[in-house]
Protein backbone atom coordinates (compact mmCIF):
# COMPACT_ATOMS: atom_id res chain seq x y z
CA MET A 1 72.31 103.25 117.12
CA LYS A 2 76.43 101.96 118.33
CA ASP A 3 77.27 104.20 115.46
CA LEU A 4 75.34 107.17 116.25
CA ILE A 5 76.82 107.05 119.93
CA LEU A 6 80.16 106.60 118.72
CA LYS A 7 79.98 110.13 116.07
CA LYS A 8 78.79 111.72 118.71
CA LEU A 9 81.58 111.05 120.65
CA LYS A 10 83.93 111.56 118.03
CA GLN A 11 82.39 114.82 117.92
CA ASN A 12 83.47 115.75 121.10
CA LEU A 13 86.88 114.04 121.12
CA PHE A 14 88.49 113.93 124.30
CA HIS A 15 85.63 115.92 126.06
CA PHE A 16 82.89 114.62 128.09
CA VAL A 17 79.68 114.00 126.74
CA SER A 18 76.77 113.44 129.66
CA GLY A 19 74.51 110.20 128.98
CA GLU A 20 71.47 112.35 129.75
CA THR A 21 72.62 114.63 126.56
CA LEU A 22 73.21 111.42 124.48
CA SER A 23 69.95 110.08 125.97
CA GLN A 24 67.70 113.00 124.62
CA GLU A 25 69.58 113.71 121.60
CA LEU A 26 69.35 110.14 120.08
CA ASN A 27 65.99 109.47 122.20
CA VAL A 28 66.98 106.37 123.66
CA SER A 29 67.43 105.47 127.18
CA ARG A 30 70.58 106.11 129.55
CA THR A 31 70.65 102.04 129.94
CA ALA A 32 70.87 101.71 126.04
CA ILE A 33 73.18 104.63 126.06
CA TRP A 34 75.42 102.18 128.50
CA LYS A 35 74.99 98.70 127.03
CA HIS A 36 76.30 100.62 123.75
CA ILE A 37 79.00 101.81 125.48
CA LYS A 38 79.99 98.56 126.68
CA ASP A 39 79.44 97.11 123.10
CA LEU A 40 82.32 99.64 122.06
CA ARG A 41 84.72 98.93 124.55
CA SER A 42 84.39 95.41 123.86
CA GLU A 43 85.35 96.60 120.19
CA GLY A 44 88.72 98.24 121.09
CA TYR A 45 87.90 101.88 122.11
CA VAL A 46 89.00 103.38 124.68
CA ILE A 47 86.19 105.24 126.74
CA GLU A 48 86.27 106.70 129.78
CA SER A 49 83.43 107.50 132.21
CA PHE A 50 82.58 108.84 135.40
CA PRO A 51 79.53 109.23 137.33
CA LYS A 52 77.31 113.02 136.94
CA VAL A 53 80.14 113.84 134.11
CA GLY A 54 79.68 111.28 131.28
CA TYR A 55 81.58 109.54 128.57
CA ARG A 56 84.89 110.41 127.16
CA LEU A 57 86.58 109.28 123.82
CA ILE A 58 90.05 108.54 124.53
CA SER A 59 91.32 106.31 121.56
CA VAL A 60 89.79 104.27 118.18
CA PRO A 61 91.00 100.99 117.29
CA ASP A 62 92.37 100.14 113.66
CA VAL A 63 89.17 98.96 113.18
CA LEU A 64 87.64 98.55 109.67
CA VAL A 65 84.26 99.78 110.81
CA PRO A 66 81.85 100.71 107.77
CA SER A 67 81.17 104.09 110.02
CA ASP A 68 85.19 105.01 110.07
CA ILE A 69 85.51 104.07 106.47
CA SER A 70 82.43 106.38 105.41
CA GLU A 71 84.32 109.03 107.37
CA ASN A 72 87.41 109.32 105.23
CA MET A 73 85.83 108.56 101.79
CA ASN A 74 83.92 111.27 99.27
CA THR A 75 81.88 109.37 97.02
CA GLU A 76 78.57 109.34 95.01
CA PHE A 77 77.92 105.88 95.22
CA LEU A 78 80.81 103.51 95.86
CA GLY A 79 80.86 102.18 99.29
CA HIS A 80 77.55 103.72 100.46
CA GLU A 81 76.88 100.12 101.56
CA ILE A 82 79.83 98.14 103.30
CA LEU A 83 79.61 94.60 104.66
CA TYR A 84 81.87 94.13 107.41
CA PHE A 85 83.16 90.75 108.59
CA LYS A 86 85.88 89.75 111.42
CA GLU A 87 86.01 86.59 109.50
CA ILE A 88 85.37 84.96 105.93
CA ASP A 89 86.25 82.62 103.66
CA SER A 90 86.84 84.95 100.69
CA THR A 91 85.91 88.53 100.27
CA ASN A 92 85.68 87.53 96.62
CA ASN A 93 83.76 84.56 96.55
CA TYR A 94 81.02 86.54 98.93
CA ALA A 95 80.94 89.94 96.86
CA LYS A 96 80.01 87.32 93.54
CA LYS A 97 77.57 85.55 95.52
CA ILE A 98 75.40 88.99 96.31
CA ALA A 99 76.17 90.60 92.64
CA TYR A 100 74.56 87.48 91.35
CA GLU A 101 71.62 87.98 93.98
CA GLY A 102 71.41 91.80 92.63
CA CYS A 103 73.12 93.56 95.14
CA LYS A 104 73.51 97.41 94.58
CA ASP A 105 76.68 98.88 92.03
CA GLY A 106 79.29 99.96 94.29
CA THR A 107 78.70 97.47 97.28
CA VAL A 108 81.60 96.70 99.20
CA VAL A 109 82.65 93.52 101.25
CA ILE A 110 85.71 94.14 103.77
CA ALA A 111 86.99 91.45 106.23
CA GLU A 112 89.33 91.68 109.19
CA ARG A 113 90.75 88.14 108.17
CA GLN A 114 89.85 85.49 105.63
CA THR A 115 90.42 81.90 105.99
CA SER A 116 90.49 81.30 102.24
CA GLY A 117 92.08 84.49 100.76
CA ARG A 118 93.19 84.14 97.13
CA GLY A 119 95.20 85.60 94.34
CA ARG A 120 95.45 85.31 90.44
CA LEU A 121 96.21 82.04 89.36
CA GLY A 122 94.14 80.33 92.48
CA ARG A 123 97.09 81.28 94.68
CA THR A 124 96.32 81.18 98.30
CA TRP A 125 96.75 84.84 99.96
CA GLU A 126 97.51 85.14 103.25
CA SER A 127 95.47 87.40 105.26
CA ASP A 128 95.41 86.93 109.12
CA LYS A 129 93.08 88.95 111.24
CA GLY A 130 94.04 92.80 111.81
CA ASN A 131 97.05 92.46 109.29
CA GLY A 132 95.57 94.21 106.25
CA ILE A 133 93.29 95.51 104.29
CA TRP A 134 90.94 92.36 102.85
CA MET A 135 88.18 93.92 100.67
CA SER A 136 86.14 93.58 97.61
CA VAL A 137 84.52 95.98 95.32
CA ILE A 138 81.35 95.43 93.28
CA LEU A 139 80.61 97.13 90.01
CA ARG A 140 77.82 96.97 87.40
CA PRO A 141 79.49 99.05 84.01
CA ASP A 142 77.82 99.72 80.98
CA ILE A 143 81.24 98.60 78.76
CA SER A 144 82.02 95.42 76.62
CA PRO A 145 83.74 92.71 78.43
CA GLU A 146 87.03 93.33 76.14
CA ALA A 147 87.32 96.73 78.43
CA ILE A 148 87.67 95.04 82.02
CA GLN A 149 91.69 95.55 81.68
CA LEU A 150 91.27 99.15 81.77
CA ILE A 151 89.22 98.22 85.68
CA THR A 152 92.49 96.42 86.30
CA LEU A 153 94.33 99.22 85.76
CA ALA A 154 92.27 101.55 87.61
CA SER A 155 92.35 99.62 90.39
CA SER A 156 96.41 99.23 90.54
CA VAL A 157 96.62 103.22 90.28
CA ALA A 158 94.11 103.72 92.66
CA VAL A 159 95.76 101.68 95.35
CA VAL A 160 99.07 103.82 94.57
CA GLU A 161 97.99 106.80 94.93
CA ALA A 162 95.38 105.98 98.01
CA ILE A 163 98.63 104.64 99.86
CA LYS A 164 100.52 107.91 98.79
CA ASP A 165 98.10 110.05 100.00
CA THR A 166 97.29 108.49 102.91
CA THR A 167 100.91 107.74 104.41
CA GLY A 168 103.38 109.53 101.92
CA ILE A 169 104.87 106.28 100.94
CA ALA A 170 105.47 105.80 97.31
CA THR A 171 104.72 102.14 95.63
CA GLY A 172 105.03 101.06 92.32
CA ILE A 173 103.04 98.49 89.90
CA LYS A 174 104.38 95.54 88.45
CA TRP A 175 102.57 94.30 85.28
CA PRO A 176 99.92 93.70 85.57
CA ASN A 177 98.18 94.64 88.92
CA ASP A 178 100.86 93.65 91.71
CA ILE A 179 101.85 96.82 94.10
CA LEU A 180 105.39 96.71 95.13
CA LEU A 181 107.30 98.72 97.87
CA ASP A 182 111.29 98.36 98.09
CA GLY A 183 111.05 95.77 95.49
CA LYS A 184 108.34 93.40 97.34
CA LYS A 185 105.13 92.99 97.06
CA LEU A 186 102.81 94.91 99.14
CA CYS A 187 99.68 94.46 97.32
CA GLY A 188 97.52 92.28 95.21
CA ILE A 189 94.45 92.83 93.00
CA LEU A 190 92.30 89.76 91.51
CA VAL A 191 89.61 91.25 89.40
CA GLU A 192 86.95 88.53 88.02
CA MET A 193 83.63 89.34 86.24
CA SER A 194 80.07 87.87 85.14
CA SER A 195 79.43 88.44 81.51
CA GLU A 196 77.92 87.68 78.26
CA MET A 197 78.92 87.77 74.47
CA ASP A 198 78.44 91.70 74.55
CA ARG A 199 78.05 93.04 78.33
CA ILE A 200 79.38 92.91 81.26
CA ASN A 201 77.14 91.68 84.07
CA PHE A 202 79.00 92.72 87.32
CA VAL A 203 82.93 92.99 88.20
CA VAL A 204 84.62 92.23 91.68
CA ILE A 205 87.78 93.96 92.42
CA GLY A 206 89.60 92.28 95.32
CA ILE A 207 92.28 93.88 96.77
CA GLY A 208 94.58 92.45 99.37
CA ILE A 209 97.03 94.95 101.31
CA ASN A 210 99.69 93.89 103.79
CA ILE A 211 99.72 96.66 106.58
CA GLY A 212 100.85 95.31 110.38
CA GLN A 213 102.49 92.00 109.41
CA ASP A 214 106.21 91.85 110.83
CA ASN A 215 107.93 89.90 108.34
CA ARG A 216 108.20 86.30 110.42
CA ASP A 217 104.48 86.69 110.27
CA PHE A 218 104.75 85.52 106.24
CA SER A 219 105.33 82.20 105.54
CA GLU A 220 108.31 81.02 104.95
CA ASN A 221 108.31 81.00 101.19
CA LEU A 222 107.07 84.59 101.19
CA ARG A 223 109.34 86.33 103.60
CA ASN A 224 111.53 87.29 100.79
CA LYS A 225 109.09 88.35 98.32
CA ALA A 226 106.27 90.41 100.62
CA ILE A 227 106.49 93.19 102.66
CA SER A 228 103.83 95.06 104.61
CA LEU A 229 103.19 98.87 105.50
CA LYS A 230 104.74 98.71 108.93
CA SER A 231 107.40 96.77 108.01
CA TYR A 232 108.78 99.21 105.91
CA ILE A 233 108.02 102.14 108.46
CA TYR A 234 109.96 100.75 110.89
CA GLN A 235 113.13 99.40 108.91
CA ASN A 236 113.36 103.69 107.41
CA ASN A 237 112.50 104.74 110.61
CA ILE A 238 109.70 106.53 109.31
CA ASN A 239 107.24 108.82 111.58
CA ILE A 240 103.72 108.49 110.38
CA GLU A 241 100.50 107.74 112.11
CA PHE A 242 97.61 106.23 109.59
CA THR A 243 94.47 103.91 110.31
CA ARG A 244 93.41 101.08 107.84
CA SER A 245 90.02 102.90 107.34
CA MET A 246 91.69 105.91 105.94
CA ILE A 247 93.30 103.76 103.63
CA VAL A 248 90.34 102.28 102.69
CA GLY A 249 88.20 105.22 102.70
CA LYS A 250 90.96 106.96 100.05
CA LEU A 251 91.23 104.03 97.70
CA LEU A 252 87.15 103.85 97.28
CA THR A 253 87.42 107.81 96.57
CA LYS A 254 89.92 107.10 93.81
CA ILE A 255 88.36 104.04 92.81
CA GLU A 256 85.55 105.79 91.52
CA LYS A 257 87.24 108.40 90.28
CA TYR A 258 88.92 106.27 88.08
CA TYR A 259 85.64 103.78 87.08
CA ASN A 260 83.84 107.08 86.14
CA PHE A 261 86.44 108.20 83.79
CA ILE A 262 86.15 104.65 82.08
CA LEU A 263 82.28 104.95 81.74
CA LYS A 264 82.87 108.27 79.96
CA GLY A 265 85.54 107.12 77.94
CA ARG A 266 88.06 109.25 79.19
CA THR A 267 90.77 106.97 80.00
CA GLU A 268 94.15 108.87 79.29
CA GLU A 269 94.88 109.75 82.53
CA ILE A 270 94.08 106.30 83.50
CA ILE A 271 96.90 104.69 80.92
CA GLN A 272 99.29 107.89 81.75
CA ASN A 273 99.41 106.78 85.45
CA TRP A 274 99.83 103.32 85.09
CA LYS A 275 102.91 104.37 83.26
CA LYS A 276 104.25 106.80 85.60
CA TYR A 277 103.70 104.16 88.49
CA SER A 278 105.05 101.30 86.42
CA VAL A 279 108.06 99.33 87.40
CA VAL A 280 108.48 97.47 84.64
CA LEU A 281 108.32 99.86 81.76
CA GLY A 282 112.05 100.27 79.86
CA LYS A 283 112.82 97.07 82.09
CA GLU A 284 113.88 93.87 80.71
CA VAL A 285 111.47 91.22 81.50
CA VAL A 286 110.59 87.80 80.77
CA VAL A 287 106.78 86.93 80.08
CA SER A 288 105.60 83.68 81.22
CA SER A 289 102.34 82.62 79.17
CA ARG A 290 100.71 79.38 78.24
CA ASP A 291 102.68 79.28 75.05
CA GLY A 292 105.60 79.39 77.19
CA ASP A 293 107.99 82.15 77.83
CA PHE A 294 110.04 84.68 76.32
CA THR A 295 111.96 87.86 77.08
CA GLY A 296 111.81 91.20 75.91
CA ILE A 297 112.05 94.84 76.66
CA ALA A 298 108.31 96.03 78.14
CA GLU A 299 108.56 99.27 76.13
CA ASP A 300 105.06 100.99 75.98
CA LEU A 301 101.37 100.59 77.32
CA THR A 302 98.45 100.73 74.54
CA GLU A 303 95.62 103.00 74.91
CA GLU A 304 93.65 99.19 75.42
CA GLY A 305 95.65 98.83 78.27
CA LYS A 306 97.88 95.92 76.32
CA LEU A 307 101.73 95.94 77.25
CA VAL A 308 104.34 96.42 74.51
CA ILE A 309 106.75 94.13 74.40
CA ARG A 310 109.96 93.92 72.37
CA SER A 311 111.65 91.18 71.81
CA PHE A 312 115.58 90.85 71.29
CA ASP A 313 115.29 89.39 67.40
CA GLY A 314 113.11 92.54 66.89
CA VAL A 315 109.12 91.25 67.21
CA THR A 316 107.48 93.02 68.92
CA GLN A 317 103.67 91.39 70.90
CA LEU A 318 100.77 93.35 72.86
CA ILE A 319 100.31 91.21 76.37
CA LEU A 320 96.94 91.29 77.55
CA SER A 321 97.43 88.68 80.17
CA GLY A 322 100.55 86.44 81.44
CA GLU A 323 102.78 87.00 84.24
CA ILE A 324 105.83 89.12 83.93
CA SER A 325 109.10 88.90 85.81
CA LEU A 326 111.79 91.77 86.10
CA LYS A 327 115.18 90.13 84.82
CA SER A 328 117.83 89.49 87.40
CA TYR A 329 121.49 88.76 86.66
């Protein structure tokens, strides 16, 4: 009911809607309307009210409520069920739990704060309240486990395009799925799956995007490595207004688009766009793997999503996993 009241107020933004009108259209008492208005105010919505006049929505907080996200997305199934938490240990942990329990394909878990957020290789991911987008997407693709790399690549392309479309800010992809802005990490993606020999039971795409942090909000060891959209916008004197819900809505739309490409075997656009946004192709890189480190030139990305590295002794290697860092002098 609260979401329906909010929708009515948004449809009449900056104009008054009487309590009687809301009561009649939503078939609830005026007392119930008042209680829901009170709840909305406690969530940060600025709503004016005057006796015998009604309620008027003045401003909307940057809160990741499902109704706001839904208004900004255009999907057939992805994000039609969004589970929102003010605080959670890890959206990926919860997503895997409900995936095992049989939740719907396309379910999204999103939180204002994670107490135990994590990235690749078990690293801690700082995810404080209101400062970012901390979310996980659950998919049940009918593809082989070997094709999981394409979902990873598609997710990184979707993030780059969602940020560009929403804010106008161009970012780049560092292998395999870090999103960089001004040479620093803006977003990390953690893809996990449950599979059998020849089939995938489910995939969880965990996405963390730094939005509102100042540089001092990051741990000292990250201040020269991480960046947020807010700090970049401030440093470059950019005049742009957006909400996190706008980015999430656009991101879910993009993920579904590329996910459908994968299911239909149309992966060329994913590979081409990953190459276009890559910050490593053509660069000298250091590859760190279980077998040790080696240096070479990142030359290409194969149709299967493997990174082509040519070492300086002329040997070409195809990389499917491992850490990549740009060679600095």
